C-alpha atoms as a PDB file:
ATOM      1  CA  MET A   1     -43.853 136.313 165.324  1.00  0.00           C
ATOM      2  CA  THR A   2     -46.829 138.412 164.224  1.00  0.00           C
ATOM      3  CA  ASP A   3     -48.113 138.533 167.807  1.00  0.00           C
ATOM      4  CA  THR A   4     -44.703 139.734 168.996  1.00  0.00           C
ATOM      5  CA  ILE A   5     -44.473 142.559 166.467  1.00  0.00           C
ATOM      6  CA  LEU A   6     -48.084 143.611 167.031  1.00  0.00           C
ATOM      7  CA  SER A   7     -47.537 143.547 170.795  1.00  0.00           C
ATOM      8  CA  PHE A   8     -44.562 145.875 170.459  1.00  0.00           C
ATOM      9  CA  VAL A   9     -46.377 148.364 168.222  1.00  0.00           C
ATOM     10  CA  LEU A  10     -49.582 148.439 170.263  1.00  0.00           C
ATOM     11  CA  SER A  11     -47.742 148.708 173.571  1.00  0.00           C
ATOM     12  CA  PHE A  12     -45.721 151.630 172.268  1.00  0.00           C
ATOM     13  CA  GLY A  13     -48.860 153.430 171.048  1.00  0.00           C
ATOM     14  CA  PHE A  14     -50.973 152.775 174.128  1.00  0.00           C
ATOM     15  CA  GLY A  15     -47.981 153.568 176.317  1.00  0.00           C
ATOM     16  CA  LEU A  16     -47.599 157.037 174.788  1.00  0.00           C
ATOM     17  CA  VAL A  17     -51.287 157.792 175.316  1.00  0.00           C
ATOM     18  CA  ALA A  18     -51.439 156.409 178.851  1.00  0.00           C
ATOM     19  CA  LEU A  19     -48.261 158.150 179.986  1.00  0.00           C
ATOM     20  CA  SER A  20     -49.474 161.465 178.564  1.00  0.00           C
ATOM     21  CA  LEU A  21     -52.818 161.161 180.330  1.00  0.00           C
ATOM     22  CA  VAL A  22     -51.326 160.057 183.644  1.00  0.00           C
ATOM     23  CA  LEU A  23     -48.688 162.806 183.583  1.00  0.00           C
ATOM     24  CA  ARG A  24     -51.371 165.414 182.897  1.00  0.00           C
ATOM     25  CA  ARG A  25     -53.710 164.084 185.579  1.00  0.00           C
ATOM     26  CA  PHE A  26     -51.155 163.158 188.264  1.00  0.00           C
ATOM     27  CA  SER A  27     -48.343 165.644 187.671  1.00  0.00           C
ATOM     28  CA  GLY A  28     -48.073 166.258 191.414  1.00  0.00           C
ATOM     29  CA  PHE A  29     -48.391 162.612 192.435  1.00  0.00           C
ATOM     30  CA  ALA A  30     -45.524 161.248 194.517  1.00  0.00           C
ATOM     31  CA  ALA A  31     -43.107 163.867 193.245  1.00  0.00           C
ATOM     32  CA  ALA A  32     -39.512 162.873 193.973  1.00  0.00           C
ATOM     33  CA  ASP A  33     -37.954 165.853 195.743  1.00  0.00           C
ATOM     34  CA  PRO A  34     -34.213 166.339 195.259  1.00  0.00           C
ATOM     35  CA  ASN A  35     -32.049 165.344 198.235  1.00  0.00           C
ATOM     36  CA  GLU A  36     -28.403 164.582 198.950  1.00  0.00           C
ATOM     37  CA  ARG A  37     -28.685 161.240 197.096  1.00  0.00           C
ATOM     38  CA  SER A  38     -30.653 162.522 194.089  1.00  0.00           C
ATOM     39  CA  ASN A  39     -29.467 162.771 190.522  1.00  0.00           C
ATOM     40  CA  HIS A  40     -32.167 165.306 189.585  1.00  0.00           C
ATOM     41  CA  ARG A  41     -32.568 168.946 190.612  1.00  0.00           C
ATOM     42  CA  ARG A  42     -36.325 169.530 190.632  1.00  0.00           C
ATOM     43  CA  PRO A  43     -39.375 167.665 191.964  1.00  0.00           C
ATOM     44  CA  THR A  44     -40.314 165.021 189.381  1.00  0.00           C
ATOM     45  CA  PRO A  45     -43.486 162.882 189.458  1.00  0.00           C
ATOM     46  CA  GLN A  46     -42.963 159.140 189.854  1.00  0.00           C
ATOM     47  CA  ILE A  47     -45.848 158.110 187.617  1.00  0.00           C
ATOM     48  CA  GLY A  48     -44.332 155.841 184.966  1.00  0.00           C
ATOM     49  CA  GLY A  49     -45.483 152.712 186.749  1.00  0.00           C
ATOM     50  CA  LEU A  50     -49.023 154.068 187.157  1.00  0.00           C
ATOM     51  CA  ALA A  51     -49.450 153.979 183.386  1.00  0.00           C
ATOM     52  CA  MET A  52     -47.192 151.116 182.310  1.00  0.00           C
ATOM     53  CA  VAL A  53     -47.925 148.345 184.814  1.00  0.00           C
ATOM     54  CA  PRO A  54     -51.715 148.296 184.208  1.00  0.00           C
ATOM     55  CA  LEU A  55     -51.062 148.206 180.465  1.00  0.00           C
ATOM     56  CA  PHE A  56     -48.710 145.241 180.879  1.00  0.00           C
ATOM     57  CA  VAL A  57     -51.277 143.370 182.988  1.00  0.00           C
ATOM     58  CA  LEU A  58     -54.090 144.158 180.531  1.00  0.00           C
ATOM     59  CA  ALA A  59     -51.933 142.953 177.639  1.00  0.00           C
ATOM     60  CA  MET A  60     -51.270 139.645 179.386  1.00  0.00           C
ATOM     61  CA  ILE A  61     -54.985 139.221 180.195  1.00  0.00           C
ATOM     62  CA  SER A  62     -55.854 140.037 176.579  1.00  0.00           C
ATOM     63  CA  PHE A  63     -53.793 137.091 175.405  1.00  0.00           C
ATOM     64  CA  ARG A  64     -55.692 134.843 177.819  1.00  0.00           C
ATOM     65  CA  LEU A  65     -59.055 136.123 176.596  1.00  0.00           C
ATOM     66  CA  ALA A  66     -57.939 135.612 173.003  1.00  0.00           C
ATOM     67  CA  GLY A  67     -57.178 131.961 173.761  1.00  0.00           C
ATOM     68  CA  LYS A  68     -53.409 132.490 173.495  1.00  0.00           C
ATOM     69  CA  PRO A  69     -52.198 132.607 177.108  1.00  0.00           C
ATOM     70  CA  LEU A  70     -48.474 133.282 177.338  1.00  0.00           C
ATOM     71  CA  PRO A  71     -46.398 130.809 179.356  1.00  0.00           C
ATOM     72  CA  VAL A  72     -45.561 132.251 182.796  1.00  0.00           C
ATOM     73  CA  PHE A  73     -46.516 135.865 182.072  1.00  0.00           C
ATOM     74  CA  SER A  74     -50.265 135.298 181.597  1.00  0.00           C
ATOM     75  CA  ASP A  75     -50.483 133.003 184.612  1.00  0.00           C
ATOM     76  CA  TRP A  76     -52.886 134.398 187.208  1.00  0.00           C
ATOM     77  CA  SER A  77     -50.389 133.856 190.020  1.00  0.00           C
ATOM     78  CA  PHE A  78     -47.776 135.883 188.151  1.00  0.00           C
ATOM     79  CA  LEU A  79     -50.198 138.713 187.432  1.00  0.00           C
ATOM     80  CA  GLY A  80     -51.205 138.676 191.094  1.00  0.00           C
ATOM     81  CA  ALA A  81     -47.543 139.010 192.042  1.00  0.00           C
ATOM     82  CA  VAL A  82     -47.123 141.964 189.675  1.00  0.00           C
ATOM     83  CA  LEU A  83     -50.152 143.711 191.177  1.00  0.00           C
ATOM     84  CA  ILE A  84     -48.906 143.143 194.741  1.00  0.00           C
ATOM     85  CA  LEU A  85     -45.673 144.929 193.902  1.00  0.00           C
ATOM     86  CA  PHE A  86     -47.573 147.600 191.982  1.00  0.00           C
ATOM     87  CA  VAL A  87     -49.686 148.462 195.024  1.00  0.00           C
ATOM     88  CA  THR A  88     -46.651 148.233 197.327  1.00  0.00           C
ATOM     89  CA  GLY A  89     -44.782 150.614 195.040  1.00  0.00           C
ATOM     90  CA  ILE A  90     -47.626 153.136 194.983  1.00  0.00           C
ATOM     91  CA  ILE A  91     -47.719 153.198 198.781  1.00  0.00           C
ATOM     92  CA  ASP A  92     -43.931 153.515 198.961  1.00  0.00           C
ATOM     93  CA  ASP A  93     -43.881 156.344 196.424  1.00  0.00           C
ATOM     94  CA  ARG A  94     -46.415 158.217 198.524  1.00  0.00           C
ATOM     95  CA  ARG A  95     -45.378 157.386 202.088  1.00  0.00           C
ATOM     96  CA  ALA A  96     -41.870 155.874 201.929  1.00  0.00           C
ATOM     97  CA  LEU A  97     -42.317 152.389 203.349  1.00  0.00           C
ATOM     98  CA  GLY A  98     -39.383 151.018 205.292  1.00  0.00           C
ATOM     99  CA  PRO A  99     -37.164 148.306 203.779  1.00  0.00           C
ATOM    100  CA  LEU A 100     -38.725 145.435 205.727  1.00  0.00           C
ATOM    101  CA  PRO A 101     -42.356 145.928 204.554  1.00  0.00           C
ATOM    102  CA  LYS A 102     -41.109 146.234 200.977  1.00  0.00           C
ATOM    103  CA  LEU A 103     -38.999 143.105 201.332  1.00  0.00           C
ATOM    104  CA  ALA A 104     -41.955 141.198 202.793  1.00  0.00           C
ATOM    105  CA  ALA A 105     -44.099 142.179 199.793  1.00  0.00           C
ATOM    106  CA  GLN A 106     -41.296 141.087 197.464  1.00  0.00           C
ATOM    107  CA  PHE A 107     -41.113 137.702 199.170  1.00  0.00           C
ATOM    108  CA  VAL A 108     -44.854 137.162 198.754  1.00  0.00           C
ATOM    109  CA  ALA A 109     -44.754 138.286 195.120  1.00  0.00           C
ATOM    110  CA  ALA A 110     -41.708 136.116 194.348  1.00  0.00           C
ATOM    111  CA  ALA A 111     -43.422 133.087 195.880  1.00  0.00           C
ATOM    112  CA  LEU A 112     -46.471 133.628 193.650  1.00  0.00           C
ATOM    113  CA  ALA A 113     -44.279 134.208 190.593  1.00  0.00           C
ATOM    114  CA  ALA A 114     -42.320 131.034 191.378  1.00  0.00           C
ATOM    115  CA  VAL A 115     -45.597 129.146 191.032  1.00  0.00           C
ATOM    116  CA  ALA A 116     -46.012 130.639 187.563  1.00  0.00           C
ATOM    117  CA  VAL A 117     -42.596 129.412 186.386  1.00  0.00           C
ATOM    118  CA  ARG A 118     -43.171 125.849 187.638  1.00  0.00           C
ATOM    119  CA  ASP A 119     -43.518 124.423 184.127  1.00  0.00           C
ATOM    120  CA  VAL A 120     -40.243 125.830 182.788  1.00  0.00           C
ATOM    121  CA  LEU A 121     -38.394 124.685 185.913  1.00  0.00           C
ATOM    122  CA  GLY A 122     -39.087 121.094 184.904  1.00  0.00           C
ATOM    123  CA  SER A 123     -36.702 121.438 181.961  1.00  0.00           C
ATOM    124  CA  ILE A 124     -33.556 121.704 184.105  1.00  0.00           C
ATOM    125  CA  PRO A 125     -31.752 118.741 185.741  1.00  0.00           C
ATOM    126  CA  LEU A 126     -32.323 119.774 189.352  1.00  0.00           C
ATOM    127  CA  PRO A 127     -34.780 118.597 191.999  1.00  0.00           C
ATOM    128  CA  PHE A 128     -37.895 120.729 191.682  1.00  0.00           C
ATOM    129  CA  ALA A 129     -37.607 122.104 195.231  1.00  0.00           C
ATOM    130  CA  VAL A 130     -34.049 123.284 194.567  1.00  0.00           C
ATOM    131  CA  ALA A 131     -34.980 124.821 191.214  1.00  0.00           C
ATOM    132  CA  ALA A 132     -37.979 126.597 192.773  1.00  0.00           C
ATOM    133  CA  ALA A 133     -35.830 127.975 195.598  1.00  0.00           C
ATOM    134  CA  ILE A 134     -33.284 129.341 193.117  1.00  0.00           C
ATOM    135  CA  ALA A 135     -36.067 130.872 191.021  1.00  0.00           C
ATOM    136  CA  PHE A 136     -37.502 132.503 194.145  1.00  0.00           C
ATOM    137  CA  LEU A 137     -34.143 134.086 194.995  1.00  0.00           C
ATOM    138  CA  VAL A 138     -33.670 135.325 191.428  1.00  0.00           C
ATOM    139  CA  LEU A 139     -37.128 136.922 191.421  1.00  0.00           C
ATOM    140  CA  VAL A 140     -36.518 138.707 194.729  1.00  0.00           C
ATOM    141  CA  ALA A 141     -33.059 139.839 193.628  1.00  0.00           C
ATOM    142  CA  MET A 142     -34.220 141.232 190.291  1.00  0.00           C
ATOM    143  CA  SER A 143     -37.124 143.208 191.747  1.00  0.00           C
ATOM    144  CA  ASN A 144     -34.659 144.709 194.251  1.00  0.00           C
ATOM    145  CA  LEU A 145     -31.982 145.497 191.683  1.00  0.00           C
ATOM    146  CA  ALA A 146     -34.470 147.153 189.344  1.00  0.00           C
ATOM    147  CA  ASN A 147     -35.625 149.280 192.267  1.00  0.00           C
ATOM    148  CA  PHE A 148     -32.029 150.252 193.087  1.00  0.00           C
ATOM    149  CA  LEU A 149     -31.149 151.260 189.525  1.00  0.00           C
ATOM    150  CA  ASP A 150     -34.173 153.482 188.853  1.00  0.00           C
ATOM    151  CA  GLY A 151     -32.334 156.639 189.825  1.00  0.00           C
ATOM    152  CA  LEU A 152     -31.242 158.429 186.650  1.00  0.00           C
ATOM    153  CA  ASP A 153     -32.953 159.590 183.475  1.00  0.00           C
ATOM    154  CA  LEU A 154     -33.372 156.662 181.025  1.00  0.00           C
ATOM    155  CA  MET A 155     -31.641 154.176 183.339  1.00  0.00           C
ATOM    156  CA  ALA A 156     -34.828 152.093 183.689  1.00  0.00           C
ATOM    157  CA  VAL A 157     -35.240 152.104 179.911  1.00  0.00           C
ATOM    158  CA  ALA A 158     -31.669 150.884 179.429  1.00  0.00           C
ATOM    159  CA  THR A 159     -31.783 148.199 182.128  1.00  0.00           C
ATOM    160  CA  ILE A 160     -35.353 146.866 181.758  1.00  0.00           C
ATOM    161  CA  GLY A 161     -36.689 147.929 178.358  1.00  0.00           C
ATOM    162  CA  LEU A 162     -33.591 146.884 176.409  1.00  0.00           C
ATOM    163  CA  PRO A 163     -33.424 143.396 177.992  1.00  0.00           C
ATOM    164  CA  GLY A 164     -37.147 143.060 177.238  1.00  0.00           C
ATOM    165  CA  LEU A 165     -36.373 143.661 173.564  1.00  0.00           C
ATOM    166  CA  PHE A 166     -33.596 141.054 173.534  1.00  0.00           C
ATOM    167  CA  PHE A 167     -35.862 138.590 175.326  1.00  0.00           C
ATOM    168  CA  ALA A 168     -38.401 139.044 172.512  1.00  0.00           C
ATOM    169  CA  LEU A 169     -35.667 138.555 169.907  1.00  0.00           C
ATOM    170  CA  LEU A 170     -34.444 135.427 171.681  1.00  0.00           C
ATOM    171  CA  ALA A 171     -37.973 134.047 171.606  1.00  0.00           C
ATOM    172  CA  ALA A 172     -38.312 134.916 167.928  1.00  0.00           C
ATOM    173  CA  SER A 173     -35.113 132.987 167.226  1.00  0.00           C
ATOM    174  CA  GLY A 174     -36.740 129.868 168.689  1.00  0.00           C
ATOM    175  CA  ALA A 175     -34.122 129.437 171.411  1.00  0.00           C
ATOM    176  CA  ILE A 176     -36.676 129.712 174.234  1.00  0.00           C
ATOM    177  CA  GLY A 177     -39.952 129.240 172.379  1.00  0.00           C
ATOM    178  CA  MET A 178     -41.782 131.865 170.360  1.00  0.00           C
ATOM    179  CA  ALA A 179     -44.718 131.892 172.790  1.00  0.00           C
ATOM    180  CA  PHE A 180     -42.633 133.944 175.221  1.00  0.00           C
ATOM    181  CA  GLY A 181     -41.998 136.703 172.671  1.00  0.00           C
ATOM    182  CA  PRO A 182     -45.003 138.971 173.265  1.00  0.00           C
ATOM    183  CA  ALA A 183     -44.124 139.462 176.944  1.00  0.00           C
ATOM    184  CA  GLY A 184     -40.746 140.883 175.985  1.00  0.00           C
ATOM    185  CA  ALA A 185     -42.263 142.904 173.159  1.00  0.00           C
ATOM    186  CA  VAL A 186     -44.878 144.480 175.438  1.00  0.00           C
ATOM    187  CA  THR A 187     -42.165 145.415 177.936  1.00  0.00           C
ATOM    188  CA  ALA A 188     -39.923 146.878 175.218  1.00  0.00           C
ATOM    189  CA  GLY A 189     -42.795 148.810 173.626  1.00  0.00           C
ATOM    190  CA  LEU A 190     -43.874 150.360 176.924  1.00  0.00           C
ATOM    191  CA  PHE A 191     -40.345 151.424 177.808  1.00  0.00           C
ATOM    192  CA  LEU A 192     -39.791 152.876 174.345  1.00  0.00           C
ATOM    193  CA  ALA A 193     -42.838 155.067 174.968  1.00  0.00           C
ATOM    194  CA  PHE A 194     -41.391 155.978 178.363  1.00  0.00           C
ATOM    195  CA  VAL A 195     -38.286 157.375 176.644  1.00  0.00           C
ATOM    196  CA  PHE A 196     -40.277 160.451 175.600  1.00  0.00           C
ATOM    197  CA  PHE A 197     -41.079 161.248 179.244  1.00  0.00           C
ATOM    198  CA  ASN A 198     -37.925 160.052 180.973  1.00  0.00           C
ATOM    199  CA  ARG A 199     -35.285 161.523 178.658  1.00  0.00           C
ATOM    200  CA  PRO A 200     -33.152 164.313 180.149  1.00  0.00           C
ATOM    201  CA  PRO A 201     -34.379 166.384 181.806  1.00  0.00           C
ATOM    202  CA  ALA A 202     -36.930 163.796 182.921  1.00  0.00           C
ATOM    203  CA  ARG A 203     -40.563 164.866 183.167  1.00  0.00           C
ATOM    204  CA  ALA A 204     -41.403 161.606 184.957  1.00  0.00           C
ATOM    205  CA  PHE A 205     -39.670 158.735 186.712  1.00  0.00           C
ATOM    206  CA  LEU A 206     -40.753 155.113 186.804  1.00  0.00           C
ATOM    207  CA  GLY A 207     -41.188 155.115 190.585  1.00  0.00           C
ATOM    208  CA  ASP A 208     -41.379 152.088 192.850  1.00  0.00           C
ATOM    209  CA  SER A 209     -44.822 151.367 191.399  1.00  0.00           C
ATOM    210  CA  GLY A 210     -43.022 150.558 188.153  1.00  0.00           C
ATOM    211  CA  SER A 211     -39.534 149.418 189.102  1.00  0.00           C
ATOM    212  CA  LEU A 212     -40.679 146.721 191.537  1.00  0.00           C
ATOM    213  CA  PRO A 213     -43.204 145.023 189.186  1.00  0.00           C
ATOM    214  CA  PHE A 214     -41.029 145.314 186.090  1.00  0.00           C
ATOM    215  CA  GLY A 215     -38.061 144.039 188.075  1.00  0.00           C
ATOM    216  CA  LEU A 216     -40.170 140.958 188.773  1.00  0.00           C
ATOM    217  CA  VAL A 217     -41.006 140.706 185.057  1.00  0.00           C
ATOM    218  CA  LEU A 218     -37.307 140.872 184.187  1.00  0.00           C
ATOM    219  CA  GLY A 219     -36.618 138.274 186.874  1.00  0.00           C
ATOM    220  CA  ALA A 220     -39.145 135.920 185.299  1.00  0.00           C
ATOM    221  CA  MET A 221     -37.527 136.468 181.899  1.00  0.00           C
ATOM    222  CA  THR A 222     -34.146 135.633 183.443  1.00  0.00           C
ATOM    223  CA  VAL A 223     -35.521 132.401 184.923  1.00  0.00           C
ATOM    224  CA  VAL A 224     -37.034 131.434 181.554  1.00  0.00           C
ATOM    225  CA  VAL A 225     -33.728 132.028 179.740  1.00  0.00           C
ATOM    226  CA  ALA A 226     -31.838 130.078 182.410  1.00  0.00           C
ATOM    227  CA  CYS A 227     -34.160 127.077 182.028  1.00  0.00           C
ATOM    228  CA  GLN A 228     -34.523 127.167 178.241  1.00  0.00           C
ATOM    229  CA  ALA A 229     -31.126 128.393 177.028  1.00  0.00           C
ATOM    230  CA  GLY A 230     -28.750 127.895 179.965  1.00  0.00           C
ATOM    231  CA  PRO A 231     -27.946 129.561 183.313  1.00  0.00           C
ATOM    232  CA  LEU A 232     -24.874 131.378 182.007  1.00  0.00           C
ATOM    233  CA  SER A 233     -26.838 132.692 179.041  1.00  0.00           C
ATOM    234  CA  ALA A 234     -29.379 134.072 181.509  1.00  0.00           C
ATOM    235  CA  LEU A 235     -26.661 136.177 183.145  1.00  0.00           C
ATOM    236  CA  LEU A 236     -26.351 138.099 179.885  1.00  0.00           C
ATOM    237  CA  LEU A 237     -29.970 139.285 179.815  1.00  0.00           C
ATOM    238  CA  PRO A 238     -29.801 141.695 182.814  1.00  0.00           C
ATOM    239  CA  ALA A 239     -26.004 142.064 182.608  1.00  0.00           C
ATOM    240  CA  TYR A 240     -25.649 145.725 183.575  1.00  0.00           C
ATOM    241  CA  MET A 241     -28.122 145.377 186.429  1.00  0.00           C
ATOM    242  CA  LEU A 242     -26.296 142.337 187.808  1.00  0.00           C
ATOM    243  CA  CYS A 243     -22.808 143.836 187.475  1.00  0.00           C
ATOM    244  CA  ASP A 244     -23.568 147.247 188.930  1.00  0.00           C
ATOM    245  CA  GLY A 245     -26.037 145.993 191.531  1.00  0.00           C
ATOM    246  CA  LEU A 246     -24.165 142.986 192.878  1.00  0.00           C
ATOM    247  CA  VAL A 247     -20.719 144.610 192.849  1.00  0.00           C
ATOM    248  CA  THR A 248     -22.134 147.623 194.701  1.00  0.00           C
ATOM    249  CA  ILE A 249     -23.767 145.374 197.300  1.00  0.00           C
ATOM    250  CA  ALA A 250     -20.511 143.455 197.734  1.00  0.00           C
ATOM    251  CA  ARG A 251     -18.513 146.665 198.193  1.00  0.00           C
ATOM    252  CA  ARG A 252     -20.958 148.032 200.762  1.00  0.00           C
ATOM    253  CA  THR A 253     -20.964 144.726 202.635  1.00  0.00           C
ATOM    254  CA  LEU A 254     -17.165 144.662 202.799  1.00  0.00           C
ATOM    255  CA  LYS A 255     -17.242 148.208 204.187  1.00  0.00           C
ATOM    256  CA  GLY A 256     -19.629 147.093 206.914  1.00  0.00           C
ATOM    257  CA  GLU A 257     -22.511 149.232 205.632  1.00  0.00           C
ATOM    258  CA  ASN A 258     -26.158 148.264 206.077  1.00  0.00           C
ATOM    259  CA  ILE A 259     -27.211 147.201 202.573  1.00  0.00           C
ATOM    260  CA  LEU A 260     -30.877 147.778 203.428  1.00  0.00           C
ATOM    261  CA  HIS A 261     -30.318 151.504 203.921  1.00  0.00           C
ATOM    262  CA  ALA A 262     -30.744 153.934 201.019  1.00  0.00           C
ATOM    263  CA  HIS A 263     -27.519 154.989 199.333  1.00  0.00           C
ATOM    264  CA  SER A 264     -26.048 156.451 196.157  1.00  0.00           C
ATOM    265  CA  ALA A 265     -23.036 154.188 195.659  1.00  0.00           C
ATOM    266  CA  HIS A 266     -23.949 152.612 192.323  1.00  0.00           C
ATOM    267  CA  VAL A 267     -21.511 153.150 189.478  1.00  0.00           C
ATOM    268  CA  TYR A 268     -23.970 155.196 187.451  1.00  0.00           C
ATOM    269  CA  GLN A 269     -24.637 157.468 190.447  1.00  0.00           C
ATOM    270  CA  ARG A 270     -20.947 157.954 191.184  1.00  0.00           C
ATOM    271  CA  ALA A 271     -20.248 158.672 187.508  1.00  0.00           C
ATOM    272  CA  PHE A 272     -22.960 161.329 187.401  1.00  0.00           C
ATOM    273  CA  ARG A 273     -21.656 163.000 190.562  1.00  0.00           C
ATOM    274  CA  ASP A 274     -18.127 162.934 189.145  1.00  0.00           C
ATOM    275  CA  GLY A 275     -19.312 165.002 186.223  1.00  0.00           C
ATOM    276  CA  ARG A 276     -20.258 162.518 183.530  1.00  0.00           C
ATOM    277  CA  PRO A 277     -23.281 163.836 181.580  1.00  0.00           C
ATOM    278  CA  VAL A 278     -26.450 161.741 181.711  1.00  0.00           C
ATOM    279  CA  PRO A 279     -26.251 160.875 177.965  1.00  0.00           C
ATOM    280  CA  THR A 280     -22.727 159.499 178.473  1.00  0.00           C
ATOM    281  CA  VAL A 281     -23.737 157.319 181.415  1.00  0.00           C
ATOM    282  CA  ILE A 282     -26.779 156.006 179.560  1.00  0.00           C
ATOM    283  CA  ALA A 283     -24.794 155.426 176.347  1.00  0.00           C
ATOM    284  CA  VAL A 284     -22.365 153.220 178.285  1.00  0.00           C
ATOM    285  CA  THR A 285     -25.273 151.331 179.870  1.00  0.00           C
ATOM    286  CA  VAL A 286     -26.942 150.799 176.496  1.00  0.00           C
ATOM    287  CA  LEU A 287     -23.622 149.728 174.965  1.00  0.00           C
ATOM    288  CA  LEU A 288     -23.121 147.057 177.592  1.00  0.00           C
ATOM    289  CA  GLY A 289     -26.756 145.935 177.325  1.00  0.00           C
ATOM    290  CA  THR A 290     -26.526 145.686 173.549  1.00  0.00           C
ATOM    291  CA  VAL A 291     -23.250 143.747 173.589  1.00  0.00           C
ATOM    292  CA  SER A 292     -24.541 141.344 176.238  1.00  0.00           C
ATOM    293  CA  GLY A 293     -27.868 140.939 174.416  1.00  0.00           C
ATOM    294  CA  LEU A 294     -26.168 140.141 171.118  1.00  0.00           C
ATOM    295  CA  LEU A 295     -23.861 137.660 172.829  1.00  0.00           C
ATOM    296  CA  MET A 296     -26.896 136.040 174.469  1.00  0.00           C
ATOM    297  CA  LEU A 297     -28.493 135.607 171.042  1.00  0.00           C
ATOM    298  CA  ALA A 298     -25.260 134.279 169.555  1.00  0.00           C
ATOM    299  CA  THR A 299     -24.534 131.737 172.306  1.00  0.00           C
ATOM    300  CA  ALA A 300     -28.074 130.627 173.240  1.00  0.00           C
ATOM    301  CA  ASP A 301     -27.696 127.332 171.331  1.00  0.00           C
ATOM    302  CA  MET A 302     -24.076 126.767 172.349  1.00  0.00           C
ATOM    303  CA  ASP A 303     -22.694 124.807 175.296  1.00  0.00           C
ATOM    304  CA  LEU A 304     -22.021 126.274 178.743  1.00  0.00           C
ATOM    305  CA  GLY A 305     -18.365 126.857 177.898  1.00  0.00           C
ATOM    306  CA  TRP A 306     -19.124 129.439 175.232  1.00  0.00           C
ATOM    307  CA  GLN A 307     -21.848 131.005 177.344  1.00  0.00           C
ATOM    308  CA  GLY A 308     -19.370 131.263 180.214  1.00  0.00           C
ATOM    309  CA  ILE A 309     -16.795 132.962 177.994  1.00  0.00           C
ATOM    310  CA  ALA A 310     -19.457 135.445 176.883  1.00  0.00           C
ATOM    311  CA  ALA A 311     -20.462 136.139 180.498  1.00  0.00           C
ATOM    312  CA  VAL A 312     -16.841 136.720 181.588  1.00  0.00           C
ATOM    313  CA  PHE A 313     -16.242 139.003 178.584  1.00  0.00           C
ATOM    314  CA  VAL A 314     -19.281 141.111 179.469  1.00  0.00           C
ATOM    315  CA  PHE A 315     -18.212 141.395 183.115  1.00  0.00           C
ATOM    316  CA  VAL A 316     -14.695 142.494 182.139  1.00  0.00           C
ATOM    317  CA  LEU A 317     -16.183 144.992 179.682  1.00  0.00           C
ATOM    318  CA  TRP A 318     -18.443 146.379 182.416  1.00  0.00           C
ATOM    319  CA  TRP A 319     -15.496 146.653 184.805  1.00  0.00           C
ATOM    320  CA  LEU A 320     -13.464 148.632 182.262  1.00  0.00           C
ATOM    321  CA  LEU A 321     -16.380 150.893 181.392  1.00  0.00           C
ATOM    322  CA  ALA A 322     -17.167 151.425 185.084  1.00  0.00           C
ATOM    323  CA  ALA A 323     -13.539 152.369 185.772  1.00  0.00           C
ATOM    324  CA  TRP A 324     -13.654 154.912 182.963  1.00  0.00           C
ATOM    325  CA  LEU A 325     -17.025 156.314 184.035  1.00  0.00           C
ATOM    326  CA  THR A 326     -15.971 156.831 187.643  1.00  0.00           C
ATOM    327  CA  ARG A 327     -12.609 158.373 186.862  1.00  0.00           C
ATOM    328  CA  HIS A 328     -12.761 161.836 188.415  1.00  0.00           C
ATOM    329  CA  ILE A 329     -13.146 164.431 185.680  1.00  0.00           C
ATOM    330  CA  ARG A 330     -14.129 167.529 187.672  1.00  0.00           C
ATOM    331  CA  ALA A 331     -11.558 170.299 187.777  1.00  0.00           C
END
C-alpha cells in the first residue's frame, strides 16, 4: 500500500516537472492544426506522451531495480511493447502514418504484451492458447480505442487516468493482488499532472505517442481484472471507452463506412459540436467512470451474476447520458 501511495505522489510531482519542461522545449512539436474534425480552434502541441510515457517506463524499471518487479507491467516484453507504440506514436504525430502501419505496430506490441500477461492468464479456466488470443485482441482493441478517444480536452484524463486510479484502488482492496497497485497509481498520478496542461483551453494534447502506449497499459489492466476478478468486472474498468468506442464502430459499420478512416462520430465529439461545453461533456464522462469504478470495487468479490447486473446498469446509464448529451441544443 505504501508503494502505491508513494508511486502516485512521485508520479504526479515528476509529471508536472516533465510536462512543463517538454512543453517549454517542444511547444511547436507535432502541433495539431484545427480541421473539419477537430474539437479545438488553435494549433496545440501533442506532447503529453513525450513526457508521460518515459516516466511510466522509468517507474516500472525502478521497481525492477529495487527488487520489487511489478507483475506484468515491469516485464521487459511489456515495456518493449510500450516503447514500440511510443515510437510509432511519435512518427504518426509528426508525419501521419496510415492506418495499416499503425495497426501492424499495434499487433506487434499486443503480441509482446500478451507474453507479459502469461502468468495471470493461467488463473482462468480456458486453454492457454484461447486465453492468450483473447488477451491479444483486448490489448489491440484498447490501444485503438484510447487513440480514438483522445480528441477533446481532459478526455484522456477521464478515460485512462481515472480507470488507472480505480485499478490501484482495486489492487489495494486485495481483489487482484496489491502488487499490481503501483502501476495504476503511476498512471493516475501522471494523468493528474496532465490535467494542468490539458484542461480547457488545452495547452497540450496527449498525442498518439501517449494514447497508443497508455491504451496498451489500460488494456493490460483490463486483462488483469478479467483474470483476477472476473470478465464482467473487467468491462467496468474502461466502461466509457468501451461504450462510446464500440457503439460508434458498430454504427459506422452498419452504415457501410470504412472504420479505418478518420472520423468524428464519437458521442463526445457529436455532443461538443451540438453545443455542449467541454466541462459538461467531461463531467458526464467522469460521472460514468466513477460509477463504473465504484461498482467494479463493490462487485469484484461477487459472482458473475452481480457483475453482469453492474455491467448492464453502466451500459444503460451511458446510453441515457449519451442521448442527453447528443440532443441538439443549438438555436
